[in-house]
Amino acid sequence: MGKREKRRKAERIRRAHRVARAELAAERARQQAGAAPTGKSADVVLEPVDVTLLAPAKFCLLTEPEETLDFLKTFDSVLARPEVTKIVVNFSECKVMSLCAFSVLFTRFMDTQQARESVPITLLGIRSGSTSVNQMIGFAEVSEEARPVNIIRSPMIRGKAVGNAFSKERDRAGTEIVDHLTKCLATVGTELTPEGRKYIGNLITEAVGNAEEHSGPWVASGYFVQQYATDPGECHLVLFNSGATICERIQSPDASEKIRARAEQLAAHHLNKGFFTGRLRNNWNKEALLTLYALQEGVSSRLHERASRGNGTIQMIKAFSELAGKDQRMCILSGSAYILFDGTYGLSVKQTTGTETREVISFNGEKDLQLPPDDKYVRALSHRFEGTVVSVRFRLATTQQTSLTKKRSEL
């Protein structure tokens, strides 16, 4: 069998798996709704159904993860119903939206649309009263005055390889995001240095590689809007994947035995101190703790070994903080664990053995992972995201940087 035929056969198998998963999801949704189950061979003709969903006022995983995940759960349940042929999302009351929330919703729709071979499904939107929400969705502006000076969109890049040593999509993600940042920085007269381009490109490709090798399908995208000439502009970046969560990866047999032992020791400490069962029991659990632990330098080398001795997520925080002004947010959502970075809590240096030091971020005043973090910034959610989201939103710094950027060269 030749390579081309092997690829075709593999694609047929993947297509069959997608259809099977869609049918299983539809069956589960039908059973939950109390309807009689129907198998493949059932001779039943379903009447087409249109469904309208009201988007929440704040559709944003960065600031409103619970409300956003609840809406995405409802959206998924509608997608799983085979009789639904049109979904209308009413954004009329939505005032705030993040690229990460919109990207997850749109990706899940596209996956369902692709899996449906016999009954197509369409997605429509109703305009918001918020100009910024309409701009992100792509609705045309009603008035000339409402048009922004700049909107720059990075292509939505997708990959689905698992266990690959490298993929073209991974390389493309790093290139596209760096090119996107270059266009954004040009609006304030700066650009990435050659070293800065390489550094950020490596961070993105290694983060994508981590998803490919240890989790599942992934999506990377970017969005920038500059409302008026003196506005520095707001930049959104998102990378998310489905599959194993950060906590699941750190507990997997593939993880370092030493790392697993340290993680379990830390979890046992929090359990014995009553942190999981006391006043924090509703927003602090082992999954949130181990997700936070996995971010520390020296704990997980999978995200970007070349960037540091430890963790590429920490490096990503530092890199985008350099590009940002005062208004910056970054969140990590994995399973039920939610971690928010806004500059309130920074990195601290801890000595380990001898003269070796590690950068640690604990999100508490004591700068100690042995104690619970500030639950405004790290907490367990009542809803879950089966995978990991890394979402970044920041306004560009208007002052010249010295580490990753320089004044833009005149052409």
Protein backbone atom coordinates (compact mmCIF):
# COMPACT_ATOMS: atom_id res chain seq x y z
CA MET A 1 0.00 0.00 0.00
CA GLY A 2 1.44 3.38 -1.04
CA LYS A 3 1.70 6.49 1.13
CA ARG A 4 -1.21 8.20 -0.64
CA GLU A 5 -3.51 5.22 -0.12
CA LYS A 6 -2.44 4.97 3.51
CA ARG A 7 -3.33 8.64 4.04
CA ARG A 8 -6.71 8.13 2.38
CA LYS A 9 -7.41 5.10 4.53
CA ALA A 10 -6.41 6.97 7.69
CA GLU A 11 -8.66 9.89 6.74
CA ARG A 12 -11.60 7.51 6.14
CA ILE A 13 -11.04 6.01 9.58
CA ARG A 14 -10.87 9.46 11.21
CA ARG A 15 -14.04 10.52 9.39
CA ALA A 16 -15.82 7.41 10.61
CA HIS A 17 -14.69 8.12 14.16
CA ARG A 18 -15.96 11.72 13.95
CA VAL A 19 -19.36 10.56 12.74
CA ALA A 20 -19.51 7.90 15.47
CA ARG A 21 -18.67 10.48 18.14
CA ALA A 22 -21.34 12.85 16.83
CA GLU A 23 -23.93 10.05 16.83
CA LEU A 24 -22.97 9.04 20.36
CA ALA A 25 -23.22 12.64 21.59
CA ALA A 26 -26.62 13.00 19.94
CA GLU A 27 -27.81 9.76 21.54
CA ARG A 28 -26.68 10.90 24.97
CA ALA A 29 -28.40 14.28 24.56
CA ARG A 30 -31.60 12.53 23.45
CA GLN A 31 -31.53 10.19 26.45
CA GLN A 32 -30.93 13.07 28.84
CA ALA A 33 -33.93 14.84 27.36
CA GLY A 34 -36.06 11.73 27.95
CA ALA A 35 -36.59 10.92 24.27
CA ALA A 36 -36.69 7.36 23.00
CA PRO A 37 -33.27 6.21 21.72
CA THR A 38 -32.84 5.74 18.02
CA GLY A 39 -30.13 3.63 16.44
CA LYS A 40 -28.54 3.98 13.02
CA SER A 41 -31.09 1.67 11.49
CA ALA A 42 -34.14 3.35 12.97
CA ASP A 43 -36.54 4.49 10.27
CA VAL A 44 -37.24 7.90 11.78
CA VAL A 45 -37.44 11.22 9.96
CA LEU A 46 -36.71 14.13 12.27
CA GLU A 47 -38.39 17.47 11.66
CA PRO A 48 -35.77 20.22 11.21
CA VAL A 49 -35.51 22.49 14.23
CA ASP A 50 -34.14 26.03 14.58
CA VAL A 51 -32.75 27.01 18.00
CA THR A 52 -32.00 30.50 19.28
CA LEU A 53 -29.60 30.95 22.20
CA LEU A 54 -29.09 34.15 24.17
CA ALA A 55 -25.38 34.83 24.71
CA PRO A 56 -24.40 35.96 28.22
CA ALA A 57 -23.69 39.61 28.96
CA LYS A 58 -20.02 38.75 29.43
CA PHE A 59 -18.97 35.96 27.07
CA CYS A 60 -15.39 35.86 28.26
CA LEU A 61 -13.29 33.03 29.67
CA LEU A 62 -10.78 35.57 30.96
CA THR A 63 -13.14 37.31 33.36
CA GLU A 64 -16.33 35.22 33.54
CA PRO A 65 -15.28 31.58 33.16
CA GLU A 66 -18.27 30.02 34.96
CA GLU A 67 -20.95 31.87 32.99
CA THR A 68 -19.09 31.33 29.72
CA LEU A 69 -18.53 27.60 30.26
CA ASP A 70 -22.19 27.21 31.20
CA PHE A 71 -23.24 28.79 27.89
CA LEU A 72 -20.77 26.65 25.94
CA LYS A 73 -22.23 23.56 27.62
CA THR A 74 -25.70 24.60 26.45
CA PHE A 75 -24.35 25.28 22.97
CA ASP A 76 -22.76 21.80 22.87
CA SER A 77 -26.02 20.14 23.90
CA VAL A 78 -27.82 21.88 21.03
CA LEU A 79 -25.09 20.87 18.57
CA ALA A 80 -25.56 17.25 19.66
CA ARG A 81 -29.23 17.22 18.62
CA PRO A 82 -29.42 15.80 15.06
CA GLU A 83 -32.75 17.49 14.33
CA VAL A 84 -31.24 20.97 14.81
CA THR A 85 -30.36 22.44 11.41
CA LYS A 86 -29.87 26.09 12.39
CA ILE A 87 -28.53 27.76 15.52
CA VAL A 88 -28.97 31.48 16.03
CA VAL A 89 -26.84 33.05 18.75
CA ASN A 90 -28.40 36.27 19.96
CA PHE A 91 -25.62 38.64 21.06
CA SER A 92 -27.99 41.56 21.70
CA GLU A 93 -27.29 41.58 25.46
CA CYS A 94 -23.59 40.66 25.16
CA LYS A 95 -21.43 43.63 26.12
CA VAL A 96 -18.04 41.94 26.55
CA MET A 97 -16.56 39.12 24.51
CA SER A 98 -13.11 37.56 24.39
CA LEU A 99 -11.44 35.93 21.43
CA CYS A 100 -10.98 32.72 23.42
CA ALA A 101 -14.72 32.25 24.09
CA PHE A 102 -15.73 33.07 20.52
CA SER A 103 -12.99 30.82 19.08
CA VAL A 104 -14.07 27.84 21.19
CA LEU A 105 -17.71 28.30 20.18
CA PHE A 106 -16.91 28.66 16.48
CA THR A 107 -14.50 25.70 16.50
CA ARG A 108 -17.08 23.41 18.09
CA PHE A 109 -19.61 24.45 15.47
CA MET A 110 -17.17 23.78 12.62
CA ASP A 111 -16.36 20.33 14.03
CA THR A 112 -20.05 19.45 14.16
CA GLN A 113 -20.66 20.86 10.68
CA GLN A 114 -17.84 18.73 9.29
CA ALA A 115 -19.07 15.59 11.06
CA ARG A 116 -22.58 15.95 9.65
CA GLU A 117 -22.63 14.40 6.21
CA SER A 118 -26.37 14.03 5.61
CA VAL A 119 -28.03 16.83 7.61
CA PRO A 120 -26.23 20.19 7.36
CA ILE A 121 -26.26 22.73 10.15
CA THR A 122 -25.81 26.52 9.96
CA LEU A 123 -24.82 29.15 12.52
CA LEU A 124 -26.11 32.72 12.51
CA GLY A 125 -25.68 35.65 14.87
CA ILE A 126 -27.81 38.59 15.99
CA ARG A 127 -25.96 41.87 16.47
CA SER A 128 -24.90 43.15 19.85
CA GLY A 129 -25.40 46.66 21.14
CA SER A 130 -21.65 46.70 21.77
CA THR A 131 -19.42 47.93 18.96
CA SER A 132 -16.44 45.92 20.19
CA VAL A 133 -18.45 42.67 20.22
CA ASN A 134 -19.74 43.27 16.70
CA GLN A 135 -16.21 44.03 15.50
CA MET A 136 -14.83 40.76 16.85
CA ILE A 137 -17.67 38.71 15.34
CA GLY A 138 -17.22 40.48 12.02
CA PHE A 139 -20.50 42.34 11.66
CA ALA A 140 -20.27 45.36 9.38
CA GLU A 141 -20.39 48.70 11.15
CA VAL A 142 -23.64 50.62 10.86
CA SER A 143 -22.06 54.07 10.88
CA GLU A 144 -18.83 55.45 9.49
CA GLU A 145 -17.96 56.93 12.90
CA ALA A 146 -18.01 53.52 14.55
CA ARG A 147 -15.35 52.07 12.29
CA PRO A 148 -12.02 51.48 14.05
CA VAL A 149 -8.70 52.72 12.71
CA ASN A 150 -7.34 49.17 12.54
CA ILE A 151 -8.60 45.62 12.84
CA ILE A 152 -5.98 42.93 12.31
CA ARG A 153 -7.00 39.27 12.34
CA SER A 154 -4.64 36.34 12.47
CA PRO A 155 -5.86 33.25 10.59
CA MET A 156 -7.38 30.53 12.78
CA ILE A 157 -4.77 27.77 12.60
CA ARG A 158 -5.78 24.23 13.51
CA GLY A 159 -3.91 21.01 14.13
CA LYS A 160 -4.99 17.55 15.16
CA ALA A 161 -1.80 15.47 15.26
CA VAL A 162 -1.13 13.53 18.45
CA GLY A 163 2.24 11.99 19.22
CA ASN A 164 3.99 13.69 16.29
CA ALA A 165 7.61 14.73 16.67
CA PHE A 166 6.81 17.79 14.56
CA SER A 167 4.10 19.06 12.23
CA LYS A 168 3.79 21.74 9.57
CA GLU A 169 0.82 23.21 11.41
CA ARG A 170 2.95 23.67 14.53
CA ASP A 171 5.56 25.61 12.59
CA ARG A 172 2.88 27.66 10.85
CA ALA A 173 1.28 28.62 14.18
CA GLY A 174 4.54 30.12 15.43
CA THR A 175 5.11 32.01 12.17
CA GLU A 176 1.54 33.33 11.91
CA ILE A 177 1.39 34.56 15.51
CA VAL A 178 4.77 36.31 15.19
CA ASP A 179 3.65 37.92 11.91
CA HIS A 180 0.41 38.97 13.61
CA LEU A 181 2.31 40.61 16.49
CA THR A 182 4.57 42.35 13.97
CA LYS A 183 1.56 43.96 12.29
CA CYS A 184 0.11 44.97 15.67
CA LEU A 185 3.37 46.51 16.90
CA ALA A 186 3.71 48.48 13.67
CA THR A 187 0.67 50.54 14.71
CA VAL A 188 2.69 51.99 17.62
CA GLY A 189 5.92 52.33 15.65
CA THR A 190 7.80 49.35 17.07
CA GLU A 191 8.74 45.87 15.91
CA LEU A 192 10.14 42.66 17.31
CA THR A 193 13.89 42.27 17.26
CA PRO A 194 15.22 39.21 15.39
CA GLU A 195 15.83 37.60 18.76
CA GLY A 196 12.32 38.56 19.89
CA ARG A 197 10.77 37.00 16.79
CA LYS A 198 12.66 33.76 17.36
CA TYR A 199 11.92 33.69 21.07
CA ILE A 200 8.15 34.20 20.79
CA GLY A 201 7.95 31.91 17.78
CA ASN A 202 9.63 29.16 19.81
CA LEU A 203 7.26 29.72 22.73
CA ILE A 204 4.23 29.26 20.46
CA THR A 205 5.55 26.24 18.57
CA GLU A 206 6.60 24.49 21.76
CA ALA A 207 3.22 25.15 23.40
CA VAL A 208 1.49 23.76 20.30
CA GLY A 209 3.91 20.84 20.27
CA ASN A 210 2.98 20.05 23.84
CA ALA A 211 -0.68 19.82 22.80
CA GLU A 212 0.15 17.65 19.79
CA GLU A 213 2.32 15.23 21.71
CA HIS A 214 0.38 14.95 24.96
CA SER A 215 -3.20 16.14 24.41
CA GLY A 216 -5.23 16.48 21.24
CA PRO A 217 -6.56 18.81 18.50
CA TRP A 218 -5.56 22.45 18.95
CA VAL A 219 -6.45 25.94 17.68
CA ALA A 220 -4.38 29.15 17.63
CA SER A 221 -5.67 32.59 16.67
CA GLY A 222 -5.12 36.32 17.15
CA TYR A 223 -7.11 39.55 16.95
CA PHE A 224 -6.17 43.22 17.28
CA VAL A 225 -8.34 46.33 17.29
CA GLN A 226 -7.32 50.00 17.41
CA GLN A 227 -10.38 52.18 17.83
CA TYR A 228 -8.81 55.60 17.09
CA ALA A 229 -5.45 57.08 16.09
CA THR A 230 -4.16 57.72 19.63
CA ASP A 231 -5.42 54.38 20.95
CA PRO A 232 -2.49 51.96 21.46
CA GLY A 233 -4.80 49.10 20.51
CA GLU A 234 -5.87 45.90 22.21
CA CYS A 235 -4.33 42.56 21.27
CA HIS A 236 -6.00 39.17 21.83
CA LEU A 237 -4.21 35.83 21.45
CA VAL A 238 -5.61 32.38 22.16
CA LEU A 239 -4.29 28.83 22.05
CA PHE A 240 -6.48 25.95 23.16
CA ASN A 241 -6.61 22.21 22.80
CA SER A 242 -8.93 19.36 23.71
CA GLY A 243 -7.80 16.19 25.43
CA ALA A 244 -5.70 15.67 28.54
CA THR A 245 -5.69 18.54 31.04
CA ILE A 246 -2.56 19.93 32.69
CA CYS A 247 -3.37 18.03 35.88
CA GLU A 248 -3.90 14.79 33.99
CA ARG A 249 -0.58 15.18 32.20
CA ILE A 250 1.38 15.79 35.39
CA GLN A 251 -0.20 12.67 36.93
CA SER A 252 0.28 10.49 33.85
CA PRO A 253 2.81 7.62 33.72
CA ASP A 254 4.71 9.63 31.08
CA ALA A 255 5.48 12.38 33.57
CA SER A 256 8.65 12.33 35.64
CA GLU A 257 8.33 10.04 38.65
CA LYS A 258 10.11 12.71 40.69
CA ILE A 259 7.63 15.38 39.59
CA ARG A 260 4.63 13.12 40.31
CA ALA A 261 5.97 12.37 43.79
CA ARG A 262 6.46 16.07 44.58
CA ALA A 263 2.98 16.88 43.27
CA GLU A 264 1.38 14.18 45.44
CA GLN A 265 3.38 15.36 48.45
CA LEU A 266 2.12 18.92 47.96
CA ALA A 267 -1.46 17.70 47.52
CA ALA A 268 -1.22 15.60 50.69
CA HIS A 269 -0.01 18.68 52.60
CA HIS A 270 -3.02 20.75 51.47
CA LEU A 271 -5.38 17.87 52.29
CA ASN A 272 -3.91 17.35 55.79
CA LYS A 273 -4.11 21.08 56.51
CA GLY A 274 -7.81 21.02 55.62
CA PHE A 275 -7.45 23.44 52.70
CA PHE A 276 -9.60 21.26 50.43
CA THR A 277 -12.39 20.82 52.98
CA GLY A 278 -12.50 24.05 54.97
CA ARG A 279 -13.80 27.44 53.92
CA LEU A 280 -12.06 27.03 50.56
CA ARG A 281 -13.78 23.72 49.70
CA ASN A 282 -15.97 25.22 46.96
CA ASN A 283 -13.13 26.79 45.01
CA TRP A 284 -9.98 24.86 45.89
CA ASN A 285 -9.20 21.26 45.03
CA LYS A 286 -6.36 18.96 44.03
CA GLU A 287 -6.80 19.64 40.30
CA ALA A 288 -6.43 23.41 40.77
CA LEU A 289 -3.40 22.89 43.03
CA LEU A 290 -1.57 20.55 40.65
CA THR A 291 -2.35 22.82 37.69
CA LEU A 292 -0.74 25.70 39.56
CA TYR A 293 2.18 23.49 40.58
CA ALA A 294 2.74 22.44 36.95
CA LEU A 295 3.40 26.07 35.99
CA GLN A 296 6.39 26.49 38.27
CA GLU A 297 9.87 26.67 36.81
CA GLY A 298 11.59 23.33 36.93
CA VAL A 299 8.35 21.33 37.18
CA SER A 300 7.25 20.89 33.58
CA SER A 301 9.86 21.12 30.84
CA ARG A 302 7.48 20.09 28.08
CA LEU A 303 6.18 23.48 27.10
CA HIS A 304 9.47 25.04 26.15
CA GLU A 305 12.71 23.45 27.25
CA ARG A 306 14.83 25.90 25.27
CA ALA A 307 13.19 28.91 26.85
CA SER A 308 14.19 28.03 30.40
CA ARG A 309 15.01 25.20 32.74
CA GLY A 310 11.34 25.01 33.60
CA ASN A 311 8.11 26.07 32.05
CA GLY A 312 7.21 27.90 28.85
CA THR A 313 4.02 29.32 30.35
CA ILE A 314 6.07 31.39 32.80
CA GLN A 315 8.18 32.60 29.89
CA MET A 316 5.03 33.46 27.94
CA ILE A 317 3.78 35.59 30.83
CA LYS A 318 7.06 37.48 30.94
CA ALA A 319 7.24 37.91 27.16
CA PHE A 320 3.75 39.32 26.70
CA SER A 321 4.14 41.51 29.79
CA GLU A 322 7.00 43.23 27.98
CA LEU A 323 4.77 43.97 24.99
CA ALA A 324 1.89 45.17 27.15
CA GLY A 325 1.00 48.40 28.83
CA LYS A 326 -0.68 48.50 32.24
CA ASP A 327 -3.88 46.76 31.10
CA GLN A 328 -2.97 43.10 30.64
CA ARG A 329 -4.65 39.80 31.40
CA MET A 330 -3.73 36.20 30.77
CA CYS A 331 -5.64 33.15 31.90
CA ILE A 332 -5.08 29.42 31.89
CA LEU A 333 -8.15 27.22 32.04
CA SER A 334 -7.62 23.47 32.22
CA GLY A 335 -10.23 21.02 33.47
CA SER A 336 -11.85 22.78 36.42
CA ALA A 337 -8.73 24.81 37.23
CA TYR A 338 -8.70 28.56 36.46
CA ILE A 339 -5.60 30.74 36.82
CA LEU A 340 -5.58 34.48 36.08
CA PHE A 341 -2.50 36.68 35.62
CA ASP A 342 -2.88 40.47 35.62
CA GLY A 343 0.36 41.61 37.21
CA THR A 344 -0.98 41.71 40.79
CA TYR A 345 1.10 38.66 41.71
CA GLY A 346 4.51 38.30 40.13
CA LEU A 347 7.33 35.82 40.06
CA SER A 348 9.55 35.32 43.07
CA VAL A 349 12.96 33.65 43.16
CA LYS A 350 13.36 30.62 45.41
CA GLN A 351 16.64 28.91 46.19
CA THR A 352 16.54 25.14 45.72
CA THR A 353 19.86 23.37 46.18
CA GLY A 354 23.24 25.04 46.45
CA THR A 355 23.28 28.17 44.31
CA GLU A 356 20.46 27.02 42.02
CA THR A 357 17.31 29.15 42.02
CA ARG A 358 13.84 28.78 40.51
CA GLU A 359 11.14 31.29 39.64
CA VAL A 360 7.91 30.57 41.48
CA ILE A 361 4.46 32.12 41.30
CA SER A 362 2.14 31.18 44.18
CA PHE A 363 -0.56 33.90 43.99
CA ASN A 364 -0.49 34.64 47.70
CA GLY A 365 1.17 37.26 49.87
CA GLU A 366 3.39 34.68 51.54
CA LYS A 367 4.82 33.57 48.15
CA ASP A 368 4.44 29.99 49.32
CA LEU A 369 2.91 27.06 47.42
CA GLN A 370 2.33 25.33 50.75
CA LEU A 371 -0.50 27.82 51.35
CA PRO A 372 -3.69 28.34 49.29
CA PRO A 373 -3.59 31.08 46.64
CA ASP A 374 -5.80 34.13 46.36
CA ASP A 375 -9.04 32.64 45.02
CA LYS A 376 -9.63 35.69 42.86
CA TYR A 377 -6.70 34.51 40.76
CA VAL A 378 -6.56 30.73 41.22
CA ARG A 379 -9.60 28.59 41.88
CA ALA A 380 -11.56 25.48 41.01
CA LEU A 381 -14.65 26.02 38.87
CA SER A 382 -17.96 24.18 39.00
CA HIS A 383 -17.77 23.70 35.21
CA ARG A 384 -14.97 22.05 33.22
CA PHE A 385 -13.07 22.56 30.01
CA GLU A 386 -11.85 19.19 28.73
CA GLY A 387 -8.47 20.39 27.56
CA THR A 388 -6.49 23.59 28.12
CA VAL A 389 -7.02 27.23 27.14
CA VAL A 390 -4.28 29.85 27.22
CA SER A 391 -5.81 33.26 26.56
CA VAL A 392 -3.96 36.59 26.46
CA ARG A 393 -5.40 40.09 26.19
CA PHE A 394 -3.35 43.25 26.53
CA ARG A 395 -3.08 46.82 25.34
CA LEU A 396 0.18 47.55 23.56
CA ALA A 397 2.82 49.54 25.42
CA THR A 398 3.45 52.92 23.80
CA THR A 399 6.98 53.24 25.15
CA GLN A 400 9.90 51.60 23.40
CA GLN A 401 10.96 48.25 24.87
CA THR A 402 14.53 47.06 25.06
CA SER A 403 14.34 43.28 25.36
CA LEU A 404 12.01 41.98 22.64
CA THR A 405 11.21 45.07 20.56
CA LYS A 406 12.86 48.07 18.99
CA LYS A 407 11.85 51.18 17.12
CA ARG A 408 10.41 50.18 13.78
CA SER A 409 12.80 50.45 10.87
CA GLU A 410 11.84 52.93 8.18
CA LEU A 411 11.27 51.26 4.82
